[in-house]
Amino acid sequence: MSNLDVAYRLARWHFPNERQAEDVVHEASVRAFREFATFATGSARVWFLRIVRRVCDERSHRSQTATIEPLKDDQPDRILAKPTADLLLTTTIYRR
């Protein structure tokens, strides 16, 4: 099994979406190519998979922090997809 196949399996373990896993392997490959001069001795597969895992962790962290947004009291309609008439009425009253 090639290093790319193993890298893809590792990325799929982190991300169920095929496209995300492919993007992770691509980004890790670019990083490995750029940083190949830093590879000293040992297993190239282990070194490459470490880069893949780091990219997975970074993307997971990015997606978690990007989706967390504090709610503001003056924007209750963002909470509901379709605000109810009561919510719109109370929001209009309290804004004045």
PDB file of N, CA and C in Angstrom:
ATOM      1  N   MET A   1       0.849  -1.174   0.000  1.00  0.00           N
ATOM      2  CA  MET A   1       0.000   0.000   0.000  1.00  0.00           C
ATOM      3  C   MET A   1       0.899   1.243   0.000  1.00  0.00           C
ATOM      4  N   SER A   2       0.584   2.192  -0.849  1.00  0.00           N
ATOM      5  CA  SER A   2       1.429   3.379  -0.964  1.00  0.00           C
ATOM      6  C   SER A   2       1.211   4.333   0.211  1.00  0.00           C
ATOM      7  N   ASN A   3       2.138   5.247   0.362  1.00  0.00           N
ATOM      8  CA  ASN A   3       2.027   6.244   1.433  1.00  0.00           C
ATOM      9  C   ASN A   3       0.796   7.117   1.252  1.00  0.00           C
ATOM     10  N   LEU A   4       0.442   7.424   0.010  1.00  0.00           N
ATOM     11  CA  LEU A   4      -0.743   8.243  -0.235  1.00  0.00           C
ATOM     12  C   LEU A   4      -2.021   7.504   0.155  1.00  0.00           C
ATOM     13  N   ASP A   5      -2.059   6.202  -0.097  1.00  0.00           N
ATOM     14  CA  ASP A   5      -3.230   5.414   0.308  1.00  0.00           C
ATOM     15  C   ASP A   5      -3.392   5.397   1.826  1.00  0.00           C
ATOM     16  N   VAL A   6      -2.294   5.209   2.509  1.00  0.00           N
ATOM     17  CA  VAL A   6      -2.330   5.197   3.976  1.00  0.00           C
ATOM     18  C   VAL A   6      -2.705   6.584   4.503  1.00  0.00           C
ATOM     19  N   ALA A   7      -2.178   7.607   3.873  1.00  0.00           N
ATOM     20  CA  ALA A   7      -2.503   8.984   4.276  1.00  0.00           C
ATOM     21  C   ALA A   7      -3.989   9.267   4.066  1.00  0.00           C
ATOM     22  N   TYR A   8      -4.518   8.801   2.952  1.00  0.00           N
ATOM     23  CA  TYR A   8      -5.940   9.005   2.673  1.00  0.00           C
ATOM     24  C   TYR A   8      -6.799   8.277   3.706  1.00  0.00           C
ATOM     25  N   ARG A   9      -6.411   7.059   4.069  1.00  0.00           N
ATOM     26  CA  ARG A   9      -7.168   6.319   5.091  1.00  0.00           C
ATOM     27  C   ARG A   9      -7.137   7.051   6.434  1.00  0.00           C
ATOM     28  N   LEU A  10      -5.995   7.592   6.775  1.00  0.00           N
ATOM     29  CA  LEU A  10      -5.885   8.351   8.021  1.00  0.00           C
ATOM     30  C   LEU A  10      -6.772   9.598   7.966  1.00  0.00           C
ATOM     31  N   ALA A  11      -6.751  10.289   6.855  1.00  0.00           N
ATOM     32  CA  ALA A  11      -7.582  11.489   6.710  1.00  0.00           C
ATOM     33  C   ALA A  11      -9.064  11.139   6.748  1.00  0.00           C
ATOM     34  N   ARG A  12      -9.442  10.007   6.137  1.00  0.00           N
ATOM     35  CA  ARG A  12     -10.843   9.581   6.171  1.00  0.00           C
ATOM     36  C   ARG A  12     -11.270   9.188   7.583  1.00  0.00           C
ATOM     37  N   TRP A  13     -10.329   8.714   8.378  1.00  0.00           N
ATOM     38  CA  TRP A  13     -10.648   8.396   9.762  1.00  0.00           C
ATOM     39  C   TRP A  13     -10.998   9.675  10.522  1.00  0.00           C
ATOM     40  N   HIS A  14     -10.336  10.771  10.185  1.00  0.00           N
ATOM     41  CA  HIS A  14     -10.614  12.059  10.836  1.00  0.00           C
ATOM     42  C   HIS A  14     -11.840  12.747  10.252  1.00  0.00           C
ATOM     43  N   PHE A  15     -11.999  12.642   8.939  1.00  0.00           N
ATOM     44  CA  PHE A  15     -13.085  13.335   8.245  1.00  0.00           C
ATOM     45  C   PHE A  15     -13.897  12.340   7.420  1.00  0.00           C
ATOM     46  N   PRO A  16     -15.197  12.223   7.654  1.00  0.00           N
ATOM     47  CA  PRO A  16     -15.996  11.265   6.893  1.00  0.00           C
ATOM     48  C   PRO A  16     -16.224  11.689   5.439  1.00  0.00           C
ATOM     49  N   ASN A  17     -16.040  12.955   5.151  1.00  0.00           N
ATOM     50  CA  ASN A  17     -16.251  13.474   3.812  1.00  0.00           C
ATOM     51  C   ASN A  17     -15.035  13.169   2.927  1.00  0.00           C
ATOM     52  N   GLU A  18     -15.271  12.557   1.776  1.00  0.00           N
ATOM     53  CA  GLU A  18     -14.171  12.193   0.873  1.00  0.00           C
ATOM     54  C   GLU A  18     -13.389  13.413   0.405  1.00  0.00           C
ATOM     55  N   ARG A  19     -14.100  14.465   0.086  1.00  0.00           N
ATOM     56  CA  ARG A  19     -13.457  15.686  -0.425  1.00  0.00           C
ATOM     57  C   ARG A  19     -12.524  16.294   0.624  1.00  0.00           C
ATOM     58  N   GLN A  20     -12.958  16.319   1.860  1.00  0.00           N
ATOM     59  CA  GLN A  20     -12.109  16.849   2.929  1.00  0.00           C
ATOM     60  C   GLN A  20     -10.848  16.004   3.082  1.00  0.00           C
ATOM     61  N   ALA A  21     -11.009  14.698   3.028  1.00  0.00           N
ATOM     62  CA  ALA A  21      -9.857  13.802   3.163  1.00  0.00           C
ATOM     63  C   ALA A  21      -8.878  14.014   2.014  1.00  0.00           C
ATOM     64  N   GLU A  22      -9.391  14.178   0.806  1.00  0.00           N
ATOM     65  CA  GLU A  22      -8.522  14.441  -0.338  1.00  0.00           C
ATOM     66  C   GLU A  22      -7.780  15.766  -0.172  1.00  0.00           C
ATOM     67  N   ASP A  23      -8.482  16.780   0.321  1.00  0.00           N
ATOM     68  CA  ASP A  23      -7.849  18.078   0.543  1.00  0.00           C
ATOM     69  C   ASP A  23      -6.740  17.988   1.587  1.00  0.00           C
ATOM     70  N   VAL A  24      -6.984  17.207   2.632  1.00  0.00           N
ATOM     71  CA  VAL A  24      -5.978  17.029   3.679  1.00  0.00           C
ATOM     72  C   VAL A  24      -4.725  16.377   3.109  1.00  0.00           C
ATOM     73  N   VAL A  25      -4.902  15.316   2.332  1.00  0.00           N
ATOM     74  CA  VAL A  25      -3.752  14.615   1.752  1.00  0.00           C
ATOM     75  C   VAL A  25      -3.007  15.534   0.785  1.00  0.00           C
ATOM     76  N   HIS A  26      -3.740  16.319   0.032  1.00  0.00           N
ATOM     77  CA  HIS A  26      -3.094  17.249  -0.896  1.00  0.00           C
ATOM     78  C   HIS A  26      -2.272  18.284  -0.133  1.00  0.00           C
ATOM     79  N   GLU A  27      -2.871  18.896   0.880  1.00  0.00           N
ATOM     80  CA  GLU A  27      -2.151  19.897   1.667  1.00  0.00           C
ATOM     81  C   GLU A  27      -0.933  19.289   2.356  1.00  0.00           C
ATOM     82  N   ALA A  28      -1.082  18.089   2.890  1.00  0.00           N
ATOM     83  CA  ALA A  28       0.044  17.415   3.551  1.00  0.00           C
ATOM     84  C   ALA A  28       1.147  17.097   2.543  1.00  0.00           C
ATOM     85  N   SER A  29       0.780  16.720   1.339  1.00  0.00           N
ATOM     86  CA  SER A  29       1.776  16.426   0.301  1.00  0.00           C
ATOM     87  C   SER A  29       2.558  17.674  -0.074  1.00  0.00           C
ATOM     88  N   VAL A  30       1.858  18.788  -0.193  1.00  0.00           N
ATOM     89  CA  VAL A  30       2.532  20.056  -0.513  1.00  0.00           C
ATOM     90  C   VAL A  30       3.484  20.448   0.612  1.00  0.00           C
ATOM     91  N   ARG A  31       3.015  20.309   1.848  1.00  0.00           N
ATOM     92  CA  ARG A  31       3.883  20.627   2.990  1.00  0.00           C
ATOM     93  C   ARG A  31       5.112  19.717   3.019  1.00  0.00           C
ATOM     94  N   ALA A  32       4.901  18.431   2.784  1.00  0.00           N
ATOM     95  CA  ALA A  32       6.020  17.478   2.806  1.00  0.00           C
ATOM     96  C   ALA A  32       7.020  17.811   1.705  1.00  0.00           C
ATOM     97  N   PHE A  33       6.534  18.181   0.539  1.00  0.00           N
ATOM     98  CA  PHE A  33       7.424  18.537  -0.563  1.00  0.00           C
ATOM     99  C   PHE A  33       8.252  19.770  -0.208  1.00  0.00           C
ATOM    100  N   ARG A  34       7.576  20.764   0.394  1.00  0.00           N
ATOM    101  CA  ARG A  34       8.278  21.995   0.774  1.00  0.00           C
ATOM    102  C   ARG A  34       9.304  21.759   1.870  1.00  0.00           C
ATOM    103  N   GLU A  35       8.988  20.868   2.802  1.00  0.00           N
ATOM    104  CA  GLU A  35       9.835  20.643   3.978  1.00  0.00           C
ATOM    105  C   GLU A  35      10.696  19.390   3.860  1.00  0.00           C
ATOM    106  N   PHE A  36      10.851  18.859   2.675  1.00  0.00           N
ATOM    107  CA  PHE A  36      11.601  17.618   2.516  1.00  0.00           C
ATOM    108  C   PHE A  36      13.040  17.753   3.003  1.00  0.00           C
ATOM    109  N   ALA A  37      13.596  18.934   2.937  1.00  0.00           N
ATOM    110  CA  ALA A  37      14.972  19.148   3.395  1.00  0.00           C
ATOM    111  C   ALA A  37      15.106  18.930   4.899  1.00  0.00           C
ATOM    112  N   THR A  38      13.999  19.037   5.646  1.00  0.00           N
ATOM    113  CA  THR A  38      14.057  18.853   7.096  1.00  0.00           C
ATOM    114  C   THR A  38      14.018  17.375   7.487  1.00  0.00           C
ATOM    115  N   PHE A  39      13.661  16.508   6.536  1.00  0.00           N
ATOM    116  CA  PHE A  39      13.615  15.074   6.833  1.00  0.00           C
ATOM    117  C   PHE A  39      15.041  14.557   6.965  1.00  0.00           C
ATOM    118  N   ALA A  40      15.341  13.993   8.118  1.00  0.00           N
ATOM    119  CA  ALA A  40      16.710  13.536   8.374  1.00  0.00           C
ATOM    120  C   ALA A  40      16.828  12.035   8.120  1.00  0.00           C
ATOM    121  N   THR A  41      16.485  11.260   9.095  1.00  0.00           N
ATOM    122  CA  THR A  41      16.569   9.803   8.963  1.00  0.00           C
ATOM    123  C   THR A  41      15.320   9.182   9.551  1.00  0.00           C
ATOM    124  N   GLY A  42      15.122   7.933   9.285  1.00  0.00           N
ATOM    125  CA  GLY A  42      13.961   7.233   9.817  1.00  0.00           C
ATOM    126  C   GLY A  42      13.008   6.876   8.696  1.00  0.00           C
ATOM    127  N   SER A  43      11.800   6.611   9.066  1.00  0.00           N
ATOM    128  CA  SER A  43      10.788   6.190   8.111  1.00  0.00           C
ATOM    129  C   SER A  43      10.129   7.399   7.458  1.00  0.00           C
ATOM    130  N   ALA A  44      10.172   7.449   6.154  1.00  0.00           N
ATOM    131  CA  ALA A  44       9.505   8.534   5.423  1.00  0.00           C
ATOM    132  C   ALA A  44       7.992   8.443   5.598  1.00  0.00           C
ATOM    133  N   ARG A  45       7.480   7.224   5.704  1.00  0.00           N
ATOM    134  CA  ARG A  45       6.041   7.033   5.892  1.00  0.00           C
ATOM    135  C   ARG A  45       5.576   7.631   7.215  1.00  0.00           C
ATOM    136  N   VAL A  46       6.322   7.364   8.279  1.00  0.00           N
ATOM    137  CA  VAL A  46       5.965   7.904   9.594  1.00  0.00           C
ATOM    138  C   VAL A  46       6.034   9.424   9.572  1.00  0.00           C
ATOM    139  N   TRP A  47       7.071   9.964   8.947  1.00  0.00           N
ATOM    140  CA  TRP A  47       7.233  11.419   8.841  1.00  0.00           C
ATOM    141  C   TRP A  47       6.059  12.035   8.084  1.00  0.00           C
ATOM    142  N   PHE A  48       5.685  11.414   6.959  1.00  0.00           N
ATOM    143  CA  PHE A  48       4.582  11.937   6.149  1.00  0.00           C
ATOM    144  C   PHE A  48       3.250  11.822   6.886  1.00  0.00           C
ATOM    145  N   LEU A  49       3.013  10.700   7.561  1.00  0.00           N
ATOM    146  CA  LEU A  49       1.760  10.529   8.299  1.00  0.00           C
ATOM    147  C   LEU A  49       1.659  11.492   9.480  1.00  0.00           C
ATOM    148  N   ARG A  50       2.785  11.849  10.029  1.00  0.00           N
ATOM    149  CA  ARG A  50       2.783  12.858  11.093  1.00  0.00           C
ATOM    150  C   ARG A  50       2.309  14.206  10.534  1.00  0.00           C
ATOM    151  N   ILE A  51       2.735  14.523   9.330  1.00  0.00           N
ATOM    152  CA  ILE A  51       2.289  15.761   8.680  1.00  0.00           C
ATOM    153  C   ILE A  51       0.794  15.687   8.387  1.00  0.00           C
ATOM    154  N   VAL A  52       0.330  14.538   7.909  1.00  0.00           N
ATOM    155  CA  VAL A  52      -1.102  14.358   7.622  1.00  0.00           C
ATOM    156  C   VAL A  52      -1.913  14.547   8.898  1.00  0.00           C
ATOM    157  N   ARG A  53      -1.461  13.927   9.968  1.00  0.00           N
ATOM    158  CA  ARG A  53      -2.183  14.066  11.240  1.00  0.00           C
ATOM    159  C   ARG A  53      -2.212  15.515  11.717  1.00  0.00           C
ATOM    160  N   ARG A  54      -1.110  16.216  11.542  1.00  0.00           N
ATOM    161  CA  ARG A  54      -1.057  17.623  11.940  1.00  0.00           C
ATOM    162  C   ARG A  54      -2.043  18.462  11.122  1.00  0.00           C
ATOM    163  N   VAL A  55      -2.119  18.201   9.827  1.00  0.00           N
ATOM    164  CA  VAL A  55      -3.077  18.920   8.977  1.00  0.00           C
ATOM    165  C   VAL A  55      -4.507  18.599   9.412  1.00  0.00           C
ATOM    166  N   CYS A  56      -4.787  17.343   9.715  1.00  0.00           N
ATOM    167  CA  CYS A  56      -6.122  16.960  10.203  1.00  0.00           C
ATOM    168  C   CYS A  56      -6.468  17.702  11.490  1.00  0.00           C
ATOM    169  N   ASP A  57      -5.532  17.736  12.415  1.00  0.00           N
ATOM    170  CA  ASP A  57      -5.772  18.426  13.686  1.00  0.00           C
ATOM    171  C   ASP A  57      -6.014  19.915  13.477  1.00  0.00           C
ATOM    172  N   GLU A  58      -5.228  20.525  12.605  1.00  0.00           N
ATOM    173  CA  GLU A  58      -5.393  21.955  12.328  1.00  0.00           C
ATOM    174  C   GLU A  58      -6.749  22.234  11.704  1.00  0.00           C
ATOM    175  N   ARG A  59      -7.152  21.416  10.753  1.00  0.00           N
ATOM    176  CA  ARG A  59      -8.450  21.617  10.106  1.00  0.00           C
ATOM    177  C   ARG A  59      -9.596  21.367  11.077  1.00  0.00           C
ATOM    178  N   SER A  60      -9.473  20.380  11.931  1.00  0.00           N
ATOM    179  CA  SER A  60     -10.514  20.121  12.935  1.00  0.00           C
ATOM    180  C   SER A  60     -10.632  21.293  13.886  1.00  0.00           C
ATOM    181  N   HIS A  61      -9.502  21.803  14.323  1.00  0.00           N
ATOM    182  CA  HIS A  61      -9.497  22.948  15.231  1.00  0.00           C
ATOM    183  C   HIS A  61     -10.096  24.169  14.552  1.00  0.00           C
ATOM    184  N   ARG A  62      -9.728  24.390  13.286  1.00  0.00           N
ATOM    185  CA  ARG A  62     -10.255  25.525  12.528  1.00  0.00           C
ATOM    186  C   ARG A  62     -11.760  25.437  12.373  1.00  0.00           C
ATOM    187  N   SER A  63     -12.267  24.255  12.067  1.00  0.00           N
ATOM    188  CA  SER A  63     -13.707  24.116  11.868  1.00  0.00           C
ATOM    189  C   SER A  63     -14.470  24.274  13.178  1.00  0.00           C
ATOM    190  N   GLN A  64     -13.880  23.847  14.287  1.00  0.00           N
ATOM    191  CA  GLN A  64     -14.545  24.006  15.574  1.00  0.00           C
ATOM    192  C   GLN A  64     -14.584  25.466  15.990  1.00  0.00           C
ATOM    193  N   THR A  65     -13.488  26.176  15.810  1.00  0.00           N
ATOM    194  CA  THR A  65     -13.465  27.573  16.225  1.00  0.00           C
ATOM    195  C   THR A  65     -14.221  28.459  15.257  1.00  0.00           C
ATOM    196  N   ALA A  66     -14.331  28.061  14.003  1.00  0.00           N
ATOM    197  CA  ALA A  66     -15.038  28.886  13.023  1.00  0.00           C
ATOM    198  C   ALA A  66     -16.541  28.813  13.218  1.00  0.00           C
ATOM    199  N   THR A  67     -17.063  27.714  13.736  1.00  0.00           N
ATOM    200  CA  THR A  67     -18.501  27.590  13.891  1.00  0.00           C
ATOM    201  C   THR A  67     -19.000  28.152  15.218  1.00  0.00           C
ATOM    202  N   ILE A  68     -18.125  28.363  16.161  1.00  0.00           N
ATOM    203  CA  ILE A  68     -18.544  28.905  17.447  1.00  0.00           C
ATOM    204  C   ILE A  68     -18.591  30.422  17.338  1.00  0.00           C
ATOM    205  N   GLU A  69     -19.791  30.945  17.524  1.00  0.00           N
ATOM    206  CA  GLU A  69     -19.970  32.390  17.446  1.00  0.00           C
ATOM    207  C   GLU A  69     -20.907  32.792  18.571  1.00  0.00           C
ATOM    208  N   PRO A  70     -20.523  33.753  19.377  1.00  0.00           N
ATOM    209  CA  PRO A  70     -21.399  34.140  20.481  1.00  0.00           C
ATOM    210  C   PRO A  70     -22.705  34.738  19.957  1.00  0.00           C
ATOM    211  N   LEU A  71     -23.789  34.392  20.632  1.00  0.00           N
ATOM    212  CA  LEU A  71     -25.086  34.948  20.262  1.00  0.00           C
ATOM    213  C   LEU A  71     -25.237  36.325  20.863  1.00  0.00           C
ATOM    214  N   LYS A  72     -25.832  37.214  20.112  1.00  0.00           N
ATOM    215  CA  LYS A  72     -26.076  38.571  20.596  1.00  0.00           C
ATOM    216  C   LYS A  72     -27.544  38.680  20.970  1.00  0.00           C
ATOM    217  N   ASP A  73     -27.814  39.407  22.033  1.00  0.00           N
ATOM    218  CA  ASP A  73     -29.182  39.536  22.508  1.00  0.00           C
ATOM    219  C   ASP A  73     -30.071  40.289  21.523  1.00  0.00           C
ATOM    220  N   ASP A  74     -29.480  41.153  20.733  1.00  0.00           N
ATOM    221  CA  ASP A  74     -30.294  41.958  19.823  1.00  0.00           C
ATOM    222  C   ASP A  74     -30.553  41.272  18.484  1.00  0.00           C
ATOM    223  N   GLN A  75     -30.121  40.010  18.319  1.00  0.00           N
ATOM    224  CA  GLN A  75     -30.347  39.288  17.075  1.00  0.00           C
ATOM    225  C   GLN A  75     -30.965  37.915  17.332  1.00  0.00           C
ATOM    226  N   PRO A  76     -32.169  37.864  17.907  1.00  0.00           N
ATOM    227  CA  PRO A  76     -32.760  36.553  18.197  1.00  0.00           C
ATOM    228  C   PRO A  76     -33.193  35.796  16.953  1.00  0.00           C
ATOM    229  N   ASP A  77     -33.438  36.489  15.804  1.00  0.00           N
ATOM    230  CA  ASP A  77     -33.894  35.793  14.607  1.00  0.00           C
ATOM    231  C   ASP A  77     -32.800  34.915  14.008  1.00  0.00           C
ATOM    232  N   ARG A  78     -31.559  35.091  14.408  1.00  0.00           N
ATOM    233  CA  ARG A  78     -30.485  34.234  13.914  1.00  0.00           C
ATOM    234  C   ARG A  78     -30.579  32.835  14.511  1.00  0.00           C
ATOM    235  N   ILE A  79     -31.259  32.724  15.650  1.00  0.00           N
ATOM    236  CA  ILE A  79     -31.366  31.438  16.323  1.00  0.00           C
ATOM    237  C   ILE A  79     -32.343  30.532  15.578  1.00  0.00           C
ATOM    238  N   LEU A  80     -33.446  31.077  15.126  1.00  0.00           N
ATOM    239  CA  LEU A  80     -34.474  30.296  14.453  1.00  0.00           C
ATOM    240  C   LEU A  80     -34.375  30.478  12.940  1.00  0.00           C
ATOM    241  N   ALA A  81     -34.629  29.429  12.212  1.00  0.00           N
ATOM    242  CA  ALA A  81     -34.612  29.528  10.753  1.00  0.00           C
ATOM    243  C   ALA A  81     -35.766  30.404  10.282  1.00  0.00           C
ATOM    244  N   LYS A  82     -36.959  30.171  10.839  1.00  0.00           N
ATOM    245  CA  LYS A  82     -38.124  30.990  10.509  1.00  0.00           C
ATOM    246  C   LYS A  82     -38.672  31.574  11.807  1.00  0.00           C
ATOM    247  N   PRO A  83     -38.455  32.855  12.061  1.00  0.00           N
ATOM    248  CA  PRO A  83     -38.950  33.440  13.306  1.00  0.00           C
ATOM    249  C   PRO A  83     -40.481  33.447  13.334  1.00  0.00           C
ATOM    250  N   THR A  84     -41.016  33.220  14.492  1.00  0.00           N
ATOM    251  CA  THR A  84     -42.466  33.219  14.657  1.00  0.00           C
ATOM    252  C   THR A  84     -42.962  34.650  14.766  1.00  0.00           C
ATOM    253  N   ALA A  85     -44.257  34.806  14.618  1.00  0.00           N
ATOM    254  CA  ALA A  85     -44.862  36.141  14.708  1.00  0.00           C
ATOM    255  C   ALA A  85     -44.667  36.717  16.108  1.00  0.00           C
ATOM    256  N   ASP A  86     -44.775  35.858  17.141  1.00  0.00           N
ATOM    257  CA  ASP A  86     -44.581  36.329  18.516  1.00  0.00           C
ATOM    258  C   ASP A  86     -43.157  36.837  18.721  1.00  0.00           C
ATOM    259  N   LEU A  87     -42.199  36.128  18.185  1.00  0.00           N
ATOM    260  CA  LEU A  87     -40.811  36.535  18.334  1.00  0.00           C
ATOM    261  C   LEU A  87     -40.561  37.858  17.628  1.00  0.00           C
ATOM    262  N   LEU A  88     -41.097  38.005  16.425  1.00  0.00           N
ATOM    263  CA  LEU A  88     -40.922  39.259  15.693  1.00  0.00           C
ATOM    264  C   LEU A  88     -41.587  40.417  16.435  1.00  0.00           C
ATOM    265  N   LEU A  89     -42.756  40.168  16.993  1.00  0.00           N
ATOM    266  CA  LEU A  89     -43.477  41.209  17.725  1.00  0.00           C
ATOM    267  C   LEU A  89     -42.696  41.628  18.970  1.00  0.00           C
ATOM    268  N   THR A  90     -42.214  40.672  19.761  1.00  0.00           N
ATOM    269  CA  THR A  90     -41.472  41.020  20.976  1.00  0.00           C
ATOM    270  C   THR A  90     -40.131  41.659  20.636  1.00  0.00           C
ATOM    271  N   THR A  91     -39.510  41.246  19.558  1.00  0.00           N
ATOM    272  CA  THR A  91     -38.244  41.841  19.158  1.00  0.00           C
ATOM    273  C   THR A  91     -38.448  43.292  18.760  1.00  0.00           C
ATOM    274  N   THR A  92     -39.523  43.556  18.028  1.00  0.00           N
ATOM    275  CA  THR A  92     -39.825  44.923  17.597  1.00  0.00           C
ATOM    276  C   THR A  92     -40.133  45.787  18.798  1.00  0.00           C
ATOM    277  N   ILE A  93     -40.873  45.271  19.756  1.00  0.00           N
ATOM    278  CA  ILE A  93     -41.233  46.045  20.947  1.00  0.00           C
ATOM    279  C   ILE A  93     -39.981  46.375  21.769  1.00  0.00           C
ATOM    280  N   TYR A  94     -39.110  45.412  21.990  1.00  0.00           N
ATOM    281  CA  TYR A  94     -37.939  45.640  22.837  1.00  0.00           C
ATOM    282  C   TYR A  94     -36.878  46.491  22.163  1.00  0.00           C
ATOM    283  N   ARG A  95     -36.866  46.569  20.868  1.00  0.00           N
ATOM    284  CA  ARG A  95     -35.850  47.365  20.175  1.00  0.00           C
ATOM    285  C   ARG A  95     -36.148  48.852  20.268  1.00  0.00           C
ATOM    286  N   ARG A  96     -37.386  49.208  20.484  1.00  0.00           N
ATOM    287  CA  ARG A  96     -37.747  50.627  20.516  1.00  0.00           C
ATOM    288  C   ARG A  96     -37.388  51.272  21.766  1.00  0.00           C
TER     289      ARG A  96
END
